[in-house]
Amino acid sequence: MGYTPAYVISRRARDFIADPFEGDYPQVFGSKVDEQEAEEDEANAYVMYMNIKNLCGTPVLHRITTFKCDNCVLVIGMAFPEVPFRGRHELEVQMLDGAMKRFNITKQNEEEESAMRTDGDAATVVGGSGRRVQLYYAPSRQVKVALVLESPAILEPTESDADRRQNGPLIVFVTGSVSRLIDADTSDLLRFPFLKLVAPEDVLRASRFFERLGESQDVLFESFALVQRPHVIDGDVAVADEANTRVVVECLGASVQDGVALLLRRLRTTPPPGRDALGNYIMNRRSRGTHDHDCEDGYLSLNEMISSDPGTSDAPPGWS
């Protein structure tokens, strides 16, 4: 697109939108209307298409995917410069999780403005409150963490990071909510290998997930367990594996040129799996993250929602 990071930082996202609905875009991130609707429409990720202006002012079609975590929104843009320009006059948004609904914000605005002009009373538009029905919410009661991992392929190798990268890509950004998920904070985890946070029995699963991300242009999801007390500080006493509680998370991921963007949502905590006489892990329903109403938190993963809902049972593993 021709911009430098320094130029983009502190500017409004809507300033780069070439379509006439740029004024509708900020409403995507509005606050909730009521608790009941928040429960029904809970979602953390969505996708939309729009034309973005490059440095020369030329509009380029982009697929925009966003992950929302607390007060942070990660935006992943994929450009399609080969597609001829065609004006897009309505902002449509597809939820990737939660209620998995599709919304047309521009059309919704027009309908509400028409109703307001007809009735002359904004209080009759939405539930007697006059407030717009927002697109989606990320309730604070479910712990969420957003991360960005580096792409070692585009970085100059350094001696200080060489040993760390043997354990996979390093974390270059993480939200402060990570301390509510595991026993670590942002200062501990910057330049730390992500796979060392993953429970040993799920490292292979997480590694294969990253391989799939590198081969796909879609948003993918996977469930795996983290260790609640990772050994991130040299000199600290490491917690024995058999005493380290597992934190089962749903991971939504998208690969970009600069690395990988992840959104982790805590589903539940479980005891560490047992081992057989040979030392192999004995995996059961709880350790694999299968939904159990007796578990703490008890949130459903996307895999569980899709497999339990006849209307979505044939949905593909990647949402775009």
C-alpha atoms as a PDB file:
ATOM      1  CA  MET A   1       0.000   0.000   0.000  1.00  0.00           C
ATOM      2  CA  GLY A   2       3.037   2.253   0.282  1.00  0.00           C
ATOM      3  CA  TYR A   3       2.487   3.470   3.861  1.00  0.00           C
ATOM      4  CA  THR A   4       5.054   3.275   6.622  1.00  0.00           C
ATOM      5  CA  PRO A   5       4.041   2.074  10.115  1.00  0.00           C
ATOM      6  CA  ALA A   6       4.892   5.513  11.518  1.00  0.00           C
ATOM      7  CA  TYR A   7       2.443   7.135   9.087  1.00  0.00           C
ATOM      8  CA  VAL A   8      -0.426   4.789   9.923  1.00  0.00           C
ATOM      9  CA  ILE A   9      -0.047   4.889  13.721  1.00  0.00           C
ATOM     10  CA  SER A  10      -2.451   7.315  15.447  1.00  0.00           C
ATOM     11  CA  ARG A  11      -4.570   7.776  12.304  1.00  0.00           C
ATOM     12  CA  ARG A  12      -8.191   6.693  12.152  1.00  0.00           C
ATOM     13  CA  ALA A  13      -8.933   3.497  10.242  1.00  0.00           C
ATOM     14  CA  ARG A  14     -11.890   5.138   8.497  1.00  0.00           C
ATOM     15  CA  ASP A  15      -9.541   7.678   6.886  1.00  0.00           C
ATOM     16  CA  PHE A  16      -8.138   4.914   4.658  1.00  0.00           C
ATOM     17  CA  ILE A  17     -11.514   3.575   3.464  1.00  0.00           C
ATOM     18  CA  ALA A  18     -12.315   4.541  -0.131  1.00  0.00           C
ATOM     19  CA  ASP A  19     -15.974   3.469  -0.021  1.00  0.00           C
ATOM     20  CA  PRO A  20     -18.853   5.813   0.901  1.00  0.00           C
ATOM     21  CA  PHE A  21     -19.699   3.785   4.036  1.00  0.00           C
ATOM     22  CA  GLU A  22     -16.567   4.877   5.913  1.00  0.00           C
ATOM     23  CA  GLY A  23     -18.841   6.592   8.437  1.00  0.00           C
ATOM     24  CA  ASP A  24     -20.510   3.257   9.250  1.00  0.00           C
ATOM     25  CA  TYR A  25     -17.262   1.455  10.074  1.00  0.00           C
ATOM     26  CA  PRO A  26     -16.762   2.823  13.642  1.00  0.00           C
ATOM     27  CA  GLN A  27     -20.195   1.509  14.648  1.00  0.00           C
ATOM     28  CA  VAL A  28     -18.855  -2.048  14.407  1.00  0.00           C
ATOM     29  CA  PHE A  29     -17.009  -1.441  17.673  1.00  0.00           C
ATOM     30  CA  GLY A  30     -19.894   0.093  19.607  1.00  0.00           C
ATOM     31  CA  SER A  31     -20.703  -0.791  23.199  1.00  0.00           C
ATOM     32  CA  LYS A  32     -23.380  -3.293  24.109  1.00  0.00           C
ATOM     33  CA  VAL A  33     -27.059  -2.436  24.439  1.00  0.00           C
ATOM     34  CA  ASP A  34     -28.144  -5.018  27.030  1.00  0.00           C
ATOM     35  CA  GLU A  35     -26.870  -8.214  28.643  1.00  0.00           C
ATOM     36  CA  GLN A  36     -29.399 -10.463  26.918  1.00  0.00           C
ATOM     37  CA  GLU A  37     -28.357  -9.365  23.446  1.00  0.00           C
ATOM     38  CA  ALA A  38     -24.689  -9.631  24.402  1.00  0.00           C
ATOM     39  CA  GLU A  39     -25.278 -13.241  25.367  1.00  0.00           C
ATOM     40  CA  GLU A  40     -27.044 -14.001  22.078  1.00  0.00           C
ATOM     41  CA  ASP A  41     -24.563 -12.299  19.760  1.00  0.00           C
ATOM     42  CA  GLU A  42     -21.284 -12.965  21.555  1.00  0.00           C
ATOM     43  CA  ALA A  43     -18.515 -12.929  18.972  1.00  0.00           C
ATOM     44  CA  ASN A  44     -14.856 -12.000  18.825  1.00  0.00           C
ATOM     45  CA  ALA A  45     -13.981 -12.097  15.136  1.00  0.00           C
ATOM     46  CA  TYR A  46     -15.544 -11.069  11.868  1.00  0.00           C
ATOM     47  CA  VAL A  47     -14.692 -10.400   8.242  1.00  0.00           C
ATOM     48  CA  MET A  48     -15.691  -7.719   5.718  1.00  0.00           C
ATOM     49  CA  TYR A  49     -14.662  -6.498   2.267  1.00  0.00           C
ATOM     50  CA  MET A  50     -13.834  -2.877   1.460  1.00  0.00           C
ATOM     51  CA  ASN A  51     -11.694  -0.719  -0.806  1.00  0.00           C
ATOM     52  CA  ILE A  52      -8.652   0.800   0.927  1.00  0.00           C
ATOM     53  CA  LYS A  53      -6.738   3.765  -0.485  1.00  0.00           C
ATOM     54  CA  ASN A  54      -3.037   3.245  -1.105  1.00  0.00           C
ATOM     55  CA  LEU A  55      -0.468   6.018  -0.715  1.00  0.00           C
ATOM     56  CA  CYS A  56      -1.299   7.373  -4.185  1.00  0.00           C
ATOM     57  CA  GLY A  57      -5.017   7.435  -3.381  1.00  0.00           C
ATOM     58  CA  THR A  58      -5.861   4.457  -5.613  1.00  0.00           C
ATOM     59  CA  PRO A  59      -8.528   2.170  -4.099  1.00  0.00           C
ATOM     60  CA  VAL A  60      -7.531  -1.487  -3.671  1.00  0.00           C
ATOM     61  CA  LEU A  61      -9.993  -4.207  -2.647  1.00  0.00           C
ATOM     62  CA  HIS A  62      -9.177  -5.777   0.751  1.00  0.00           C
ATOM     63  CA  ARG A  63     -10.616  -8.546   2.832  1.00  0.00           C
ATOM     64  CA  ILE A  64     -10.498  -7.254   6.408  1.00  0.00           C
ATOM     65  CA  THR A  65     -10.503  -9.733   9.293  1.00  0.00           C
ATOM     66  CA  THR A  66     -10.521  -8.460  12.855  1.00  0.00           C
ATOM     67  CA  PHE A  67     -10.006 -10.058  16.259  1.00  0.00           C
ATOM     68  CA  LYS A  68     -11.344  -8.116  19.255  1.00  0.00           C
ATOM     69  CA  CYS A  69      -9.794  -8.584  22.696  1.00  0.00           C
ATOM     70  CA  ASP A  70     -10.643  -6.264  25.598  1.00  0.00           C
ATOM     71  CA  ASN A  71      -9.776  -2.768  24.301  1.00  0.00           C
ATOM     72  CA  CYS A  72      -7.554  -4.084  21.494  1.00  0.00           C
ATOM     73  CA  VAL A  73      -8.556  -4.929  17.913  1.00  0.00           C
ATOM     74  CA  LEU A  74      -6.154  -6.783  15.611  1.00  0.00           C
ATOM     75  CA  VAL A  75      -6.852  -6.046  11.940  1.00  0.00           C
ATOM     76  CA  ILE A  76      -5.610  -8.406   9.228  1.00  0.00           C
ATOM     77  CA  GLY A  77      -5.913  -7.089   5.686  1.00  0.00           C
ATOM     78  CA  MET A  78      -5.471  -9.133   2.507  1.00  0.00           C
ATOM     79  CA  ALA A  79      -5.184  -7.082  -0.689  1.00  0.00           C
ATOM     80  CA  PHE A  80      -6.519  -8.069  -4.098  1.00  0.00           C
ATOM     81  CA  PRO A  81      -4.823  -5.545  -6.427  1.00  0.00           C
ATOM     82  CA  GLU A  82      -5.665  -7.679  -9.468  1.00  0.00           C
ATOM     83  CA  VAL A  83      -9.417  -7.130  -8.964  1.00  0.00           C
ATOM     84  CA  PRO A  84     -10.743  -4.151 -10.984  1.00  0.00           C
ATOM     85  CA  PHE A  85     -12.142  -1.344  -8.881  1.00  0.00           C
ATOM     86  CA  ARG A  86     -15.867  -1.539  -8.173  1.00  0.00           C
ATOM     87  CA  GLY A  87     -17.482   0.774  -5.671  1.00  0.00           C
ATOM     88  CA  ARG A  88     -18.940  -0.942  -2.621  1.00  0.00           C
ATOM     89  CA  HIS A  89     -21.859   1.044  -1.226  1.00  0.00           C
ATOM     90  CA  GLU A  90     -22.859  -1.140   1.717  1.00  0.00           C
ATOM     91  CA  LEU A  91     -20.824  -2.413   4.659  1.00  0.00           C
ATOM     92  CA  GLU A  92     -21.569  -6.105   5.177  1.00  0.00           C
ATOM     93  CA  VAL A  93     -19.987  -7.977   8.064  1.00  0.00           C
ATOM     94  CA  GLN A  94     -19.842 -11.727   8.705  1.00  0.00           C
ATOM     95  CA  MET A  95     -19.325 -13.043  12.224  1.00  0.00           C
ATOM     96  CA  LEU A  96     -16.758 -15.827  12.369  1.00  0.00           C
ATOM     97  CA  ASP A  97     -17.845 -17.095  15.775  1.00  0.00           C
ATOM     98  CA  GLY A  98     -20.542 -16.443  18.332  1.00  0.00           C
ATOM     99  CA  ALA A  99     -23.904 -16.233  16.554  1.00  0.00           C
ATOM    100  CA  MET A 100     -22.165 -16.481  13.138  1.00  0.00           C
ATOM    101  CA  LYS A 101     -24.533 -13.910  11.676  1.00  0.00           C
ATOM    102  CA  ARG A 102     -24.188 -11.659   8.624  1.00  0.00           C
ATOM    103  CA  PHE A 103     -25.035  -7.974   9.009  1.00  0.00           C
ATOM    104  CA  ASN A 104     -25.500  -5.083   6.607  1.00  0.00           C
ATOM    105  CA  ILE A 105     -24.702  -2.070   8.762  1.00  0.00           C
ATOM    106  CA  THR A 106     -25.327   0.494   6.022  1.00  0.00           C
ATOM    107  CA  LYS A 107     -28.801  -0.839   5.286  1.00  0.00           C
ATOM    108  CA  GLN A 108     -29.550  -1.049   9.002  1.00  0.00           C
ATOM    109  CA  ASN A 109     -28.595   2.621   9.368  1.00  0.00           C
ATOM    110  CA  GLU A 110     -30.846   3.637   6.489  1.00  0.00           C
ATOM    111  CA  GLU A 111     -33.813   1.740   7.921  1.00  0.00           C
ATOM    112  CA  GLU A 112     -33.368   3.281  11.358  1.00  0.00           C
ATOM    113  CA  GLU A 113     -32.951   6.792   9.947  1.00  0.00           C
ATOM    114  CA  SER A 114     -36.114   6.308   7.907  1.00  0.00           C
ATOM    115  CA  ALA A 115     -38.000   5.125  10.995  1.00  0.00           C
ATOM    116  CA  MET A 116     -36.752   8.121  12.956  1.00  0.00           C
ATOM    117  CA  ARG A 117     -37.925  10.540  10.270  1.00  0.00           C
ATOM    118  CA  THR A 118     -41.312   8.830  10.072  1.00  0.00           C
ATOM    119  CA  ASP A 119     -41.994   8.605  13.792  1.00  0.00           C
ATOM    120  CA  GLY A 120     -40.118  11.701  14.872  1.00  0.00           C
ATOM    121  CA  ASP A 121     -39.182   9.907  18.045  1.00  0.00           C
ATOM    122  CA  ALA A 122     -35.779   8.204  18.315  1.00  0.00           C
ATOM    123  CA  ALA A 123     -36.925   6.391  21.439  1.00  0.00           C
ATOM    124  CA  THR A 124     -39.140   4.085  19.366  1.00  0.00           C
ATOM    125  CA  VAL A 125     -36.372   2.827  17.077  1.00  0.00           C
ATOM    126  CA  VAL A 126     -34.671   0.217  19.247  1.00  0.00           C
ATOM    127  CA  GLY A 127     -36.376  -1.198  22.318  1.00  0.00           C
ATOM    128  CA  GLY A 128     -37.521   2.233  23.506  1.00  0.00           C
ATOM    129  CA  SER A 129     -33.935   3.338  24.169  1.00  0.00           C
ATOM    130  CA  GLY A 130     -33.125   5.147  20.922  1.00  0.00           C
ATOM    131  CA  ARG A 131     -29.741   3.418  20.883  1.00  0.00           C
ATOM    132  CA  ARG A 132     -28.415   1.499  17.902  1.00  0.00           C
ATOM    133  CA  VAL A 133     -28.315  -2.280  18.056  1.00  0.00           C
ATOM    134  CA  GLN A 134     -24.600  -2.956  17.886  1.00  0.00           C
ATOM    135  CA  LEU A 135     -22.998  -5.665  15.804  1.00  0.00           C
ATOM    136  CA  TYR A 136     -21.319  -7.864  18.403  1.00  0.00           C
ATOM    137  CA  TYR A 137     -19.715  -7.897  21.811  1.00  0.00           C
ATOM    138  CA  ALA A 138     -16.798  -9.565  23.549  1.00  0.00           C
ATOM    139  CA  PRO A 139     -18.008  -9.957  27.153  1.00  0.00           C
ATOM    140  CA  SER A 140     -15.254  -9.481  29.714  1.00  0.00           C
ATOM    141  CA  ARG A 141     -16.302 -12.563  31.675  1.00  0.00           C
ATOM    142  CA  GLN A 142     -14.712 -14.820  29.031  1.00  0.00           C
ATOM    143  CA  VAL A 143     -10.945 -14.388  29.157  1.00  0.00           C
ATOM    144  CA  LYS A 144      -9.458 -13.488  25.776  1.00  0.00           C
ATOM    145  CA  VAL A 145      -5.862 -12.819  24.735  1.00  0.00           C
ATOM    146  CA  ALA A 146      -4.619 -11.394  21.437  1.00  0.00           C
ATOM    147  CA  LEU A 147      -1.086 -12.183  20.232  1.00  0.00           C
ATOM    148  CA  VAL A 148       1.102 -11.566  17.225  1.00  0.00           C
ATOM    149  CA  LEU A 149       3.882 -14.025  16.443  1.00  0.00           C
ATOM    150  CA  GLU A 150       6.840 -13.214  14.245  1.00  0.00           C
ATOM    151  CA  SER A 151       7.525 -14.737  10.862  1.00  0.00           C
ATOM    152  CA  PRO A 152      11.134 -16.008  11.147  1.00  0.00           C
ATOM    153  CA  ALA A 153      11.343 -16.324   7.360  1.00  0.00           C
ATOM    154  CA  ILE A 154      11.496 -12.547   6.907  1.00  0.00           C
ATOM    155  CA  LEU A 155      13.720 -11.704   9.879  1.00  0.00           C
ATOM    156  CA  GLU A 156      17.477 -11.494  10.069  1.00  0.00           C
ATOM    157  CA  PRO A 157      18.641 -14.238  12.452  1.00  0.00           C
ATOM    158  CA  THR A 158      20.224 -12.971  15.659  1.00  0.00           C
ATOM    159  CA  GLU A 159      22.435 -14.933  18.000  1.00  0.00           C
ATOM    160  CA  SER A 160      20.324 -14.006  21.048  1.00  0.00           C
ATOM    161  CA  ASP A 161      17.134 -15.455  19.533  1.00  0.00           C
ATOM    162  CA  ALA A 162      18.645 -18.454  17.750  1.00  0.00           C
ATOM    163  CA  ASP A 163      18.075 -20.911  20.606  1.00  0.00           C
ATOM    164  CA  ARG A 164      14.586 -19.608  21.325  1.00  0.00           C
ATOM    165  CA  ARG A 165      13.428 -20.017  17.729  1.00  0.00           C
ATOM    166  CA  GLN A 166      14.170 -23.730  17.905  1.00  0.00           C
ATOM    167  CA  ASN A 167      10.902 -23.864  19.887  1.00  0.00           C
ATOM    168  CA  GLY A 168       8.878 -22.102  17.198  1.00  0.00           C
ATOM    169  CA  PRO A 169       7.997 -18.459  16.422  1.00  0.00           C
ATOM    170  CA  LEU A 170       8.506 -15.816  19.086  1.00  0.00           C
ATOM    171  CA  ILE A 171       5.792 -13.603  20.537  1.00  0.00           C
ATOM    172  CA  VAL A 172       6.170  -9.957  19.470  1.00  0.00           C
ATOM    173  CA  PHE A 173       2.871  -8.602  20.828  1.00  0.00           C
ATOM    174  CA  VAL A 174       0.472  -9.768  23.535  1.00  0.00           C
ATOM    175  CA  THR A 175      -2.360  -8.053  25.352  1.00  0.00           C
ATOM    176  CA  GLY A 176      -2.261  -7.491  29.103  1.00  0.00           C
ATOM    177  CA  SER A 177      -5.177  -9.880  29.616  1.00  0.00           C
ATOM    178  CA  VAL A 178      -2.688 -12.753  29.280  1.00  0.00           C
ATOM    179  CA  SER A 179      -2.105 -12.549  33.044  1.00  0.00           C
ATOM    180  CA  ARG A 180      -5.758 -13.580  33.516  1.00  0.00           C
ATOM    181  CA  LEU A 181      -5.214 -16.640  31.343  1.00  0.00           C
ATOM    182  CA  ILE A 182      -1.874 -18.003  32.588  1.00  0.00           C
ATOM    183  CA  ASP A 183       0.673 -17.117  35.253  1.00  0.00           C
ATOM    184  CA  ALA A 184       2.727 -14.695  33.133  1.00  0.00           C
ATOM    185  CA  ASP A 185       2.595 -11.075  32.005  1.00  0.00           C
ATOM    186  CA  THR A 186       3.513  -9.181  28.859  1.00  0.00           C
ATOM    187  CA  SER A 187       7.070  -8.390  29.924  1.00  0.00           C
ATOM    188  CA  ASP A 188       7.715 -12.106  30.510  1.00  0.00           C
ATOM    189  CA  LEU A 189       6.369 -13.198  27.138  1.00  0.00           C
ATOM    190  CA  LEU A 190       7.797 -10.737  24.612  1.00  0.00           C
ATOM    191  CA  ARG A 191      10.396 -12.573  22.478  1.00  0.00           C
ATOM    192  CA  PHE A 192       9.300 -15.845  24.124  1.00  0.00           C
ATOM    193  CA  PRO A 193       8.497 -18.974  22.031  1.00  0.00           C
ATOM    194  CA  PHE A 194       4.730 -19.475  21.897  1.00  0.00           C
ATOM    195  CA  LEU A 195       4.958 -23.267  21.724  1.00  0.00           C
ATOM    196  CA  LYS A 196       6.636 -23.329  25.144  1.00  0.00           C
ATOM    197  CA  LEU A 197       3.330 -22.121  26.571  1.00  0.00           C
ATOM    198  CA  VAL A 198       1.496 -25.082  25.045  1.00  0.00           C
ATOM    199  CA  ALA A 199       0.957 -28.203  27.139  1.00  0.00           C
ATOM    200  CA  PRO A 200       3.398 -30.961  26.066  1.00  0.00           C
ATOM    201  CA  GLU A 201       0.626 -33.301  24.944  1.00  0.00           C
ATOM    202  CA  ASP A 202      -0.710 -30.642  22.532  1.00  0.00           C
ATOM    203  CA  VAL A 203       2.522 -29.237  21.070  1.00  0.00           C
ATOM    204  CA  LEU A 204       2.204 -31.377  17.945  1.00  0.00           C
ATOM    205  CA  ARG A 205      -1.402 -30.303  17.458  1.00  0.00           C
ATOM    206  CA  ALA A 206      -0.483 -26.607  17.811  1.00  0.00           C
ATOM    207  CA  SER A 207       2.485 -27.020  15.453  1.00  0.00           C
ATOM    208  CA  ARG A 208       0.265 -28.558  12.783  1.00  0.00           C
ATOM    209  CA  PHE A 209      -2.182 -25.689  13.271  1.00  0.00           C
ATOM    210  CA  PHE A 210       0.594 -23.195  12.476  1.00  0.00           C
ATOM    211  CA  GLU A 211       1.519 -25.224   9.401  1.00  0.00           C
ATOM    212  CA  ARG A 212      -2.077 -25.022   8.183  1.00  0.00           C
ATOM    213  CA  LEU A 213      -2.116 -21.284   8.804  1.00  0.00           C
ATOM    214  CA  GLY A 214       0.976 -20.859   6.646  1.00  0.00           C
ATOM    215  CA  GLU A 215      -0.742 -22.635   3.769  1.00  0.00           C
ATOM    216  CA  SER A 216      -4.146 -20.930   4.013  1.00  0.00           C
ATOM    217  CA  GLN A 217      -5.541 -17.469   3.398  1.00  0.00           C
ATOM    218  CA  ASP A 218      -8.531 -18.138   5.642  1.00  0.00           C
ATOM    219  CA  VAL A 219      -9.129 -17.689   9.346  1.00  0.00           C
ATOM    220  CA  LEU A 220      -8.653 -21.098  10.979  1.00  0.00           C
ATOM    221  CA  PHE A 221      -9.408 -22.311  14.459  1.00  0.00           C
ATOM    222  CA  GLU A 222      -8.112 -25.034  16.751  1.00  0.00           C
ATOM    223  CA  SER A 223      -8.478 -26.030  20.395  1.00  0.00           C
ATOM    224  CA  PHE A 224      -5.499 -26.996  22.525  1.00  0.00           C
ATOM    225  CA  ALA A 225      -4.245 -26.654  26.089  1.00  0.00           C
ATOM    226  CA  LEU A 226      -1.741 -24.237  27.603  1.00  0.00           C
ATOM    227  CA  VAL A 227       0.055 -24.816  30.880  1.00  0.00           C
ATOM    228  CA  GLN A 228      -1.219 -22.512  33.594  1.00  0.00           C
ATOM    229  CA  ARG A 229       2.255 -21.902  35.073  1.00  0.00           C
ATOM    230  CA  PRO A 230       4.796 -21.882  32.226  1.00  0.00           C
ATOM    231  CA  HIS A 231       8.515 -21.672  32.958  1.00  0.00           C
ATOM    232  CA  VAL A 232       9.227 -18.308  31.334  1.00  0.00           C
ATOM    233  CA  ILE A 233      11.854 -16.793  33.650  1.00  0.00           C
ATOM    234  CA  ASP A 234      15.296 -18.362  33.883  1.00  0.00           C
ATOM    235  CA  GLY A 235      16.153 -19.164  37.489  1.00  0.00           C
ATOM    236  CA  ASP A 236      12.562 -19.692  38.622  1.00  0.00           C
ATOM    237  CA  VAL A 237      11.602 -23.115  39.877  1.00  0.00           C
ATOM    238  CA  ALA A 238       9.723 -24.968  37.158  1.00  0.00           C
ATOM    239  CA  VAL A 239       6.353 -26.456  38.087  1.00  0.00           C
ATOM    240  CA  ALA A 240       6.236 -30.221  37.621  1.00  0.00           C
ATOM    241  CA  ASP A 241       4.138 -31.249  34.620  1.00  0.00           C
ATOM    242  CA  GLU A 242       1.862 -33.483  36.690  1.00  0.00           C
ATOM    243  CA  ALA A 243       1.048 -30.496  38.935  1.00  0.00           C
ATOM    244  CA  ASN A 244       0.589 -27.923  36.169  1.00  0.00           C
ATOM    245  CA  THR A 245      -3.105 -27.263  35.482  1.00  0.00           C
ATOM    246  CA  ARG A 246      -4.130 -27.124  31.802  1.00  0.00           C
ATOM    247  CA  VAL A 247      -5.974 -24.113  30.377  1.00  0.00           C
ATOM    248  CA  VAL A 248      -7.949 -25.242  27.340  1.00  0.00           C
ATOM    249  CA  VAL A 249      -8.264 -22.446  24.770  1.00  0.00           C
ATOM    250  CA  GLU A 250      -9.871 -21.919  21.403  1.00  0.00           C
ATOM    251  CA  CYS A 251      -7.352 -20.331  19.047  1.00  0.00           C
ATOM    252  CA  LEU A 252      -8.501 -18.306  16.041  1.00  0.00           C
ATOM    253  CA  GLY A 253      -5.556 -17.584  13.753  1.00  0.00           C
ATOM    254  CA  ALA A 254      -4.768 -15.740  10.553  1.00  0.00           C
ATOM    255  CA  SER A 255      -1.445 -15.676   8.752  1.00  0.00           C
ATOM    256  CA  VAL A 256      -0.068 -12.476   7.257  1.00  0.00           C
ATOM    257  CA  GLN A 257       3.202 -11.584   5.569  1.00  0.00           C
ATOM    258  CA  ASP A 258       4.700 -10.293   8.801  1.00  0.00           C
ATOM    259  CA  GLY A 259       3.689 -13.208  10.999  1.00  0.00           C
ATOM    260  CA  VAL A 260       0.613 -14.732  12.599  1.00  0.00           C
ATOM    261  CA  ALA A 261      -2.232 -13.026  14.484  1.00  0.00           C
ATOM    262  CA  LEU A 262      -3.953 -15.130  17.150  1.00  0.00           C
ATOM    263  CA  LEU A 263      -6.962 -14.717  19.399  1.00  0.00           C
ATOM    264  CA  LEU A 264      -7.154 -17.119  22.342  1.00  0.00           C
ATOM    265  CA  ARG A 265     -10.406 -17.645  24.244  1.00  0.00           C
ATOM    266  CA  ARG A 266     -10.409 -19.626  27.480  1.00  0.00           C
ATOM    267  CA  LEU A 267     -12.874 -22.488  27.342  1.00  0.00           C
ATOM    268  CA  ARG A 268     -12.118 -24.212  30.643  1.00  0.00           C
ATOM    269  CA  THR A 269      -9.369 -25.481  32.946  1.00  0.00           C
ATOM    270  CA  THR A 270      -8.634 -29.176  33.434  1.00  0.00           C
ATOM    271  CA  PRO A 271      -6.185 -31.285  35.445  1.00  0.00           C
ATOM    272  CA  PRO A 272      -3.080 -32.478  33.586  1.00  0.00           C
ATOM    273  CA  PRO A 273      -3.578 -35.828  31.830  1.00  0.00           C
ATOM    274  CA  GLY A 274      -2.265 -38.971  33.433  1.00  0.00           C
ATOM    275  CA  ARG A 275       0.454 -41.174  31.990  1.00  0.00           C
ATOM    276  CA  ASP A 276       0.631 -44.893  31.340  1.00  0.00           C
ATOM    277  CA  ALA A 277       3.437 -47.225  32.410  1.00  0.00           C
ATOM    278  CA  LEU A 278       5.557 -46.112  29.436  1.00  0.00           C
ATOM    279  CA  GLY A 279       5.152 -42.428  30.238  1.00  0.00           C
ATOM    280  CA  ASN A 280       2.724 -41.705  27.380  1.00  0.00           C
ATOM    281  CA  TYR A 281      -0.118 -39.275  28.026  1.00  0.00           C
ATOM    282  CA  ILE A 282      -3.544 -40.803  28.552  1.00  0.00           C
ATOM    283  CA  MET A 283      -5.871 -38.462  26.694  1.00  0.00           C
ATOM    284  CA  ASN A 284      -9.530 -38.254  27.720  1.00  0.00           C
ATOM    285  CA  ARG A 285     -12.499 -36.044  26.869  1.00  0.00           C
ATOM    286  CA  ARG A 286     -11.594 -33.376  29.401  1.00  0.00           C
ATOM    287  CA  SER A 287      -7.915 -33.142  28.441  1.00  0.00           C
ATOM    288  CA  ARG A 288      -8.838 -32.875  24.744  1.00  0.00           C
ATOM    289  CA  GLY A 289     -11.097 -29.931  25.467  1.00  0.00           C
ATOM    290  CA  THR A 290     -14.398 -31.689  24.830  1.00  0.00           C
ATOM    291  CA  HIS A 291     -17.290 -29.805  26.386  1.00  0.00           C
ATOM    292  CA  ASP A 292     -18.188 -30.889  29.889  1.00  0.00           C
ATOM    293  CA  HIS A 293     -20.811 -28.976  31.888  1.00  0.00           C
ATOM    294  CA  ASP A 294     -18.948 -29.721  35.135  1.00  0.00           C
ATOM    295  CA  CYS A 295     -15.776 -27.935  33.972  1.00  0.00           C
ATOM    296  CA  GLU A 296     -14.877 -24.414  35.000  1.00  0.00           C
ATOM    297  CA  ASP A 297     -16.077 -21.746  32.488  1.00  0.00           C
ATOM    298  CA  GLY A 298     -17.721 -24.356  30.241  1.00  0.00           C
ATOM    299  CA  TYR A 299     -17.653 -22.346  26.999  1.00  0.00           C
ATOM    300  CA  LEU A 300     -18.212 -24.141  23.699  1.00  0.00           C
ATOM    301  CA  SER A 301     -15.500 -24.079  21.056  1.00  0.00           C
ATOM    302  CA  LEU A 302     -16.375 -23.467  17.398  1.00  0.00           C
ATOM    303  CA  ASN A 303     -15.756 -27.143  16.669  1.00  0.00           C
ATOM    304  CA  GLU A 304     -18.227 -28.086  19.402  1.00  0.00           C
ATOM    305  CA  MET A 305     -20.838 -25.551  18.281  1.00  0.00           C
ATOM    306  CA  ILE A 306     -20.630 -26.693  14.670  1.00  0.00           C
ATOM    307  CA  SER A 307     -20.776 -30.400  15.484  1.00  0.00           C
ATOM    308  CA  SER A 308     -23.747 -29.929  17.847  1.00  0.00           C
ATOM    309  CA  ASP A 309     -25.799 -27.655  15.565  1.00  0.00           C
ATOM    310  CA  PRO A 310     -27.483 -29.443  12.621  1.00  0.00           C
ATOM    311  CA  GLY A 311     -27.589 -26.152  10.717  1.00  0.00           C
ATOM    312  CA  THR A 312     -23.805 -25.787  10.776  1.00  0.00           C
ATOM    313  CA  SER A 313     -22.628 -29.381  10.991  1.00  0.00           C
ATOM    314  CA  ASP A 314     -21.271 -29.277   7.443  1.00  0.00           C
ATOM    315  CA  ALA A 315     -19.421 -25.989   7.891  1.00  0.00           C
ATOM    316  CA  PRO A 316     -15.810 -25.992   6.668  1.00  0.00           C
ATOM    317  CA  PRO A 317     -12.821 -25.828   9.052  1.00  0.00           C
ATOM    318  CA  GLY A 318     -11.825 -22.390   7.688  1.00  0.00           C
ATOM    319  CA  TRP A 319     -14.083 -19.339   7.743  1.00  0.00           C
ATOM    320  CA  SER A 320     -13.454 -16.506   5.267  1.00  0.00           C
END
